[in-house]
Amino acid sequence: MTDRIRTVLGDIEPARLGVCNAHDHLFLRSPRLPEEALDDVDAALVELNSFAALGGQAVAQWTPWGLGARLADLPELSERSGVHLIAATGMHQAKHYDPTELARGRDDLAELFVHELTAAPVRAGFIKIASAFHHIDEHASSVMSAAAHAHHATGAPVGVHLEGGTAALAVLDELAGTHGVPPQHIILGHLNRFPDSTMHRQIAAAGAFVGFEGPSRANHGTDWRLLGSIAALVDSGHADRILLGGDTVLASARSTADGPGMVYLLRTLRSSIERELGSDVATAIFITNPANAFSARWHD
């Protein structure tokens, strides 16, 4: 049995993934953002084509169950753009759901995740969950337990939305320590929003992936620290743990609107990394690391 990456068009070998935007959204709907839903197939295709024109070859969509991921539309978008798409199952913070829908989804969560990873018409390739600001609340704890169960049943990677980049070590301890999810299958996202390089090094040293996303229209205060945070990890020998994503969560943030959209990663950020840290680091961040992070020895 070999490691594979589960895309919406089927499993591929990690070497085929290519240049990857490791954290983004083509579709997203939340009652917290009623006027900014990402729900336009044509706009999603334009975004993918723009990313592909700059050399982009893969995108991980971190939109979980119940938030308008439009999984049925992803295979055609992947075919038309030529971009590999990795979809998410999982569950976000409770505040992003209608209470009735949330109550329905909480029944047999682990079973739901396993189904979407292994048996759904369009299969997910990882599990996305979320913690609360500086702590793990009751909702997050129950979802983490279900995600860990689904990981052990399938082998799927687990990606975590860290609110404001906080509670990272507590989440890592909960998933890896309490629930036995191997750190190399854990991606901790939004750590650029909490630019504590000591904490970043601890996460990387434990074997988990350090996710940086942005720039962020809602969390731009630490965007200027991004290259420094990356450099600190590289200098400490952890270039192999860094992931980068665009995290476009608003319609107005697409590259065709007020931007910057996912093209920023390749149009601006990649050249900055190559210039400041070298082409080998850029290759690791955009190609090698995502291939490792989203690979699994699938049990199905």
Protein backbone atom coordinates (compact mmCIF):
# COMPACT_ATOMS: atom_id res chain seq x y z
CA MET A 1 0.00 0.00 0.00
CA THR A 2 1.43 3.37 -1.05
CA ASP A 3 0.61 6.93 -0.08
CA ARG A 4 -1.85 8.73 -2.33
CA ILE A 5 -3.55 12.09 -2.48
CA ARG A 6 -7.32 11.93 -2.82
CA THR A 7 -8.52 14.53 -5.35
CA VAL A 8 -12.05 15.09 -6.61
CA LEU A 9 -11.12 13.21 -9.80
CA GLY A 10 -9.60 10.27 -7.95
CA ASP A 11 -6.41 9.33 -6.14
CA ILE A 12 -3.05 10.43 -7.50
CA GLU A 13 0.56 9.82 -6.61
CA PRO A 14 2.05 12.66 -4.51
CA ALA A 15 4.59 13.48 -7.22
CA ARG A 16 1.74 14.47 -9.55
CA LEU A 17 0.31 17.20 -7.30
CA GLY A 18 2.64 19.98 -8.42
CA VAL A 19 2.53 23.63 -7.35
CA CYS A 20 -0.13 23.79 -4.65
CA ASN A 21 -2.21 26.43 -2.92
CA ALA A 22 -2.54 24.51 0.33
CA HIS A 23 -5.46 26.41 1.89
CA ASP A 24 -8.18 28.18 -0.04
CA HIS A 25 -11.89 28.29 -0.85
CA LEU A 26 -13.67 28.17 -4.18
CA PHE A 27 -17.05 28.01 -2.46
CA LEU A 28 -18.09 29.05 1.04
CA ARG A 29 -21.37 30.05 2.62
CA SER A 30 -21.82 31.09 6.25
CA PRO A 31 -24.51 32.96 8.16
CA ARG A 32 -21.63 35.03 9.54
CA LEU A 33 -20.94 36.37 6.02
CA PRO A 34 -24.37 36.62 4.38
CA GLU A 35 -23.37 39.18 1.74
CA GLU A 36 -20.02 37.64 0.85
CA ALA A 37 -20.80 34.05 -0.10
CA LEU A 38 -18.52 32.29 -2.55
CA ASP A 39 -21.19 30.59 -4.63
CA ASP A 40 -20.44 31.42 -8.27
CA VAL A 41 -19.16 28.57 -10.43
CA ASP A 42 -18.03 30.85 -13.25
CA ALA A 43 -16.08 33.06 -10.82
CA ALA A 44 -14.46 29.97 -9.31
CA LEU A 45 -13.34 28.83 -12.76
CA VAL A 46 -11.86 32.24 -13.55
CA GLU A 47 -9.93 32.12 -10.27
CA LEU A 48 -8.61 28.64 -11.03
CA ASN A 49 -7.64 29.56 -14.58
CA SER A 50 -5.77 32.63 -13.33
CA PHE A 51 -3.93 30.49 -10.78
CA ALA A 52 -3.10 27.89 -13.45
CA ALA A 53 -1.81 30.56 -15.84
CA LEU A 54 0.89 31.38 -13.27
CA GLY A 55 1.92 27.74 -12.92
CA GLY A 56 -0.53 26.63 -10.22
CA GLN A 57 -1.42 22.96 -10.40
CA ALA A 58 -3.38 22.13 -7.24
CA VAL A 59 -5.68 23.72 -4.67
CA ALA A 60 -6.92 22.37 -1.34
CA GLN A 61 -10.42 23.67 -0.61
CA TRP A 62 -10.90 23.92 3.15
CA THR A 63 -14.70 24.31 3.07
CA PRO A 64 -16.17 21.55 5.28
CA TRP A 65 -19.57 19.92 5.47
CA GLY A 66 -22.57 22.23 5.64
CA LEU A 67 -20.92 25.44 4.42
CA GLY A 68 -21.73 25.30 0.72
CA ALA A 69 -18.67 23.43 -0.57
CA ARG A 70 -20.53 22.46 -3.78
CA LEU A 71 -18.63 19.18 -4.06
CA ALA A 72 -20.65 18.12 -7.11
CA ASP A 73 -19.23 21.07 -9.08
CA LEU A 74 -15.59 20.43 -8.24
CA PRO A 75 -14.80 17.60 -10.69
CA GLU A 76 -15.86 19.65 -13.72
CA LEU A 77 -13.96 22.68 -12.43
CA SER A 78 -10.88 20.51 -12.02
CA GLU A 79 -11.24 19.10 -15.53
CA ARG A 80 -11.81 22.49 -17.16
CA SER A 81 -8.99 24.26 -15.35
CA GLY A 82 -6.50 21.40 -15.27
CA VAL A 83 -5.97 22.05 -11.55
CA HIS A 84 -6.06 19.19 -9.03
CA LEU A 85 -8.65 19.90 -6.34
CA ILE A 86 -8.58 18.38 -2.86
CA ALA A 87 -11.90 18.73 -1.05
CA ALA A 88 -12.58 18.75 2.68
CA THR A 89 -15.08 17.04 4.88
CA GLY A 90 -15.29 18.00 8.56
CA MET A 91 -17.05 20.70 10.56
CA HIS A 92 -16.25 24.33 11.38
CA GLN A 93 -17.04 26.32 14.52
CA ALA A 94 -20.67 26.18 15.65
CA LYS A 95 -21.25 29.87 14.88
CA HIS A 96 -20.96 29.19 11.14
CA TYR A 97 -24.05 26.94 11.05
CA ASP A 98 -27.75 27.33 11.29
CA PRO A 99 -28.63 25.75 14.67
CA THR A 100 -31.03 23.25 13.10
CA GLU A 101 -28.49 22.14 10.51
CA LEU A 102 -25.81 21.94 13.15
CA ALA A 103 -27.94 19.69 15.35
CA ARG A 104 -28.57 17.41 12.37
CA GLY A 105 -24.91 17.26 11.45
CA ARG A 106 -23.75 16.43 14.97
CA ASP A 107 -25.40 13.02 14.81
CA ASP A 108 -22.79 10.38 13.97
CA LEU A 109 -20.14 12.91 12.95
CA ALA A 110 -17.40 10.34 12.56
CA GLU A 111 -19.62 8.27 10.31
CA LEU A 112 -20.38 11.36 8.20
CA PHE A 113 -16.68 12.15 7.80
CA VAL A 114 -15.79 8.59 6.86
CA HIS A 115 -18.60 8.50 4.29
CA GLU A 116 -17.44 11.71 2.63
CA LEU A 117 -13.85 10.48 2.57
CA THR A 118 -14.54 7.02 1.19
CA ALA A 119 -18.00 6.56 -0.30
CA ALA A 120 -19.49 9.89 -1.40
CA PRO A 121 -19.97 10.54 -5.15
CA VAL A 122 -17.20 13.16 -4.89
CA ARG A 123 -14.79 12.11 -2.18
CA ALA A 124 -13.05 14.46 0.20
CA GLY A 125 -9.28 14.22 0.66
CA PHE A 126 -8.90 15.51 4.22
CA ILE A 127 -10.83 16.52 7.36
CA LYS A 128 -11.17 20.20 8.29
CA ILE A 129 -12.03 21.12 11.89
CA ALA A 130 -11.67 24.24 14.04
CA SER A 131 -10.81 25.36 17.54
CA ALA A 132 -12.06 28.43 19.43
CA PHE A 133 -10.13 31.59 20.30
CA HIS A 134 -7.34 30.58 22.69
CA HIS A 135 -9.13 27.39 23.79
CA ILE A 136 -10.91 24.22 22.74
CA ASP A 137 -14.60 24.59 23.48
CA GLU A 138 -17.09 21.75 23.90
CA HIS A 139 -18.11 21.84 20.24
CA ALA A 140 -14.49 21.74 19.04
CA SER A 141 -13.66 18.89 21.41
CA SER A 142 -16.48 16.70 20.11
CA VAL A 143 -15.61 17.46 16.48
CA MET A 144 -11.92 16.68 17.14
CA SER A 145 -12.87 13.33 18.61
CA ALA A 146 -14.93 12.51 15.51
CA ALA A 147 -12.15 13.70 13.21
CA ALA A 148 -9.61 11.51 15.01
CA HIS A 149 -11.91 8.51 14.70
CA ALA A 150 -12.30 9.21 10.97
CA HIS A 151 -8.54 9.58 10.58
CA HIS A 152 -7.90 6.21 12.20
CA ALA A 153 -10.60 4.62 10.03
CA THR A 154 -9.34 6.07 6.76
CA GLY A 155 -5.84 7.51 7.12
CA ALA A 156 -7.04 10.99 6.08
CA PRO A 157 -5.04 14.10 7.04
CA VAL A 158 -6.61 16.51 9.53
CA GLY A 159 -6.48 20.28 8.95
CA VAL A 160 -7.35 22.70 11.74
CA HIS A 161 -8.63 26.27 11.57
CA LEU A 162 -6.97 27.98 14.53
CA GLU A 163 -8.98 31.05 15.46
CA GLY A 164 -6.53 33.92 15.23
CA GLY A 165 -3.75 31.35 15.13
CA THR A 166 -4.32 30.61 18.83
CA ALA A 167 -4.49 27.39 20.91
CA ALA A 168 -2.15 25.62 18.51
CA LEU A 169 -0.23 23.61 21.11
CA ALA A 170 -3.43 22.65 22.93
CA VAL A 171 -4.94 21.43 19.66
CA LEU A 172 -1.82 19.47 18.79
CA ASP A 173 -1.84 17.87 22.23
CA GLU A 174 -5.54 17.00 21.91
CA LEU A 175 -5.23 15.44 18.46
CA ALA A 176 -1.83 13.78 18.79
CA GLY A 177 -1.63 13.18 22.53
CA THR A 178 -5.21 12.36 23.50
CA HIS A 179 -6.47 10.90 20.23
CA GLY A 180 -3.29 9.44 18.73
CA VAL A 181 -3.33 11.21 15.36
CA PRO A 182 0.28 11.19 14.11
CA PRO A 183 1.58 14.78 13.91
CA GLN A 184 2.70 14.32 10.30
CA HIS A 185 -0.99 14.02 9.41
CA ILE A 186 -1.95 17.28 11.17
CA ILE A 187 -2.01 20.69 9.48
CA LEU A 188 -2.41 23.66 11.82
CA GLY A 189 -3.72 26.64 9.88
CA HIS A 190 -3.60 30.43 10.32
CA LEU A 191 -0.42 30.44 12.35
CA ASN A 192 0.69 33.60 10.53
CA ARG A 193 -2.01 35.37 12.57
CA PHE A 194 -0.09 34.54 15.75
CA PRO A 195 3.55 35.13 14.73
CA ASP A 196 5.25 33.44 17.69
CA SER A 197 8.27 31.79 16.10
CA THR A 198 9.07 29.79 19.23
CA MET A 199 5.64 28.21 19.11
CA HIS A 200 5.93 27.63 15.35
CA ARG A 201 9.21 25.79 15.92
CA GLN A 202 7.62 23.60 18.59
CA ILE A 203 4.85 22.58 16.22
CA ALA A 204 7.27 21.85 13.40
CA ALA A 205 9.64 19.94 15.68
CA ALA A 206 6.73 17.75 16.75
CA GLY A 207 6.21 16.85 13.09
CA ALA A 208 3.00 18.76 12.30
CA PHE A 209 2.62 21.14 9.37
CA VAL A 210 2.65 24.88 9.99
CA GLY A 211 0.04 26.60 7.83
CA PHE A 212 0.43 30.25 6.84
CA GLU A 213 -2.33 31.90 4.78
CA GLY A 214 -3.03 35.27 3.32
CA PRO A 215 -2.74 38.10 3.05
CA SER A 216 -6.03 38.25 4.90
CA ARG A 217 -8.52 41.07 4.51
CA ALA A 218 -9.92 40.33 7.97
CA ASN A 219 -6.66 39.50 9.76
CA HIS A 220 -4.08 41.65 7.98
CA GLY A 221 -2.37 43.02 11.07
CA THR A 222 0.42 40.43 11.02
CA ASP A 223 0.76 39.92 7.25
CA TRP A 224 3.98 41.94 7.30
CA ARG A 225 5.48 39.30 9.63
CA LEU A 226 4.90 36.44 7.17
CA LEU A 227 8.32 36.28 5.50
CA GLY A 228 10.04 36.62 8.86
CA SER A 229 8.01 33.75 10.28
CA ILE A 230 8.89 31.58 7.29
CA ALA A 231 12.57 32.52 7.57
CA ALA A 232 12.63 31.62 11.26
CA LEU A 233 11.35 28.13 10.51
CA VAL A 234 13.81 27.70 7.66
CA ASP A 235 16.71 28.84 9.84
CA SER A 236 15.75 26.29 12.50
CA GLY A 237 15.75 23.44 9.98
CA HIS A 238 12.01 23.16 9.46
CA ALA A 239 11.54 24.22 5.84
CA ASP A 240 9.86 20.86 5.29
CA ARG A 241 6.92 21.74 7.58
CA ILE A 242 5.70 25.00 5.96
CA LEU A 243 2.49 25.31 3.92
CA LEU A 244 1.08 28.41 2.22
CA GLY A 245 -2.46 29.18 1.11
CA GLY A 246 -4.53 32.07 -0.15
CA ASP A 247 -7.57 31.52 2.11
CA THR A 248 -10.02 33.49 -0.02
CA VAL A 249 -13.17 33.53 2.13
CA LEU A 250 -15.01 36.56 0.69
CA ALA A 251 -16.38 37.14 -2.79
CA SER A 252 -14.84 40.60 -2.68
CA ALA A 253 -11.41 39.06 -2.07
CA ARG A 254 -11.26 37.17 -5.36
CA SER A 255 -8.61 38.34 -7.81
CA THR A 256 -11.39 39.48 -10.15
CA ALA A 257 -12.88 41.70 -7.42
CA ASP A 258 -10.97 43.68 -4.79
CA GLY A 259 -8.37 40.94 -4.47
CA PRO A 260 -5.82 39.74 -4.00
CA GLY A 261 -7.22 36.23 -4.58
CA MET A 262 -5.22 33.04 -4.90
CA VAL A 263 -2.97 34.44 -7.64
CA TYR A 264 -1.10 36.46 -5.00
CA LEU A 265 0.67 33.30 -3.89
CA LEU A 266 2.43 32.84 -7.21
CA ARG A 267 2.46 36.38 -8.59
CA THR A 268 3.94 38.01 -5.48
CA LEU A 269 4.74 35.72 -2.57
CA ARG A 270 6.63 32.99 -4.43
CA SER A 271 9.08 35.47 -5.96
CA SER A 272 9.66 37.06 -2.55
CA ILE A 273 10.46 33.66 -1.04
CA GLU A 274 12.78 32.77 -3.90
CA ARG A 275 14.58 36.10 -3.61
CA GLU A 276 14.92 36.10 0.19
CA LEU A 277 15.20 32.39 1.00
CA GLY A 278 16.13 30.63 -2.23
CA SER A 279 14.47 28.48 -4.87
CA ASP A 280 14.90 25.28 -2.85
CA VAL A 281 12.78 26.71 -0.04
CA ALA A 282 10.13 27.86 -2.51
CA THR A 283 10.03 24.39 -4.07
CA ALA A 284 9.59 22.81 -0.65
CA ILE A 285 6.78 25.17 0.34
CA PHE A 286 4.81 25.07 -2.90
CA ILE A 287 5.47 21.52 -4.13
CA THR A 288 7.14 19.05 -1.77
CA ASN A 289 5.43 19.95 1.50
CA PRO A 290 1.82 19.96 0.19
CA ALA A 291 2.43 16.62 -1.48
CA ASN A 292 3.53 15.21 1.87
CA ALA A 293 0.85 16.97 3.93
CA PHE A 294 -2.11 15.73 1.87
CA SER A 295 -0.78 12.21 1.28
CA ALA A 296 -2.36 9.32 3.13
CA ARG A 297 -2.10 5.57 3.21
CA TRP A 298 -5.82 5.24 2.63
CA HIS A 299 -7.52 2.34 4.37
CA ASP A 300 -10.47 1.97 2.01
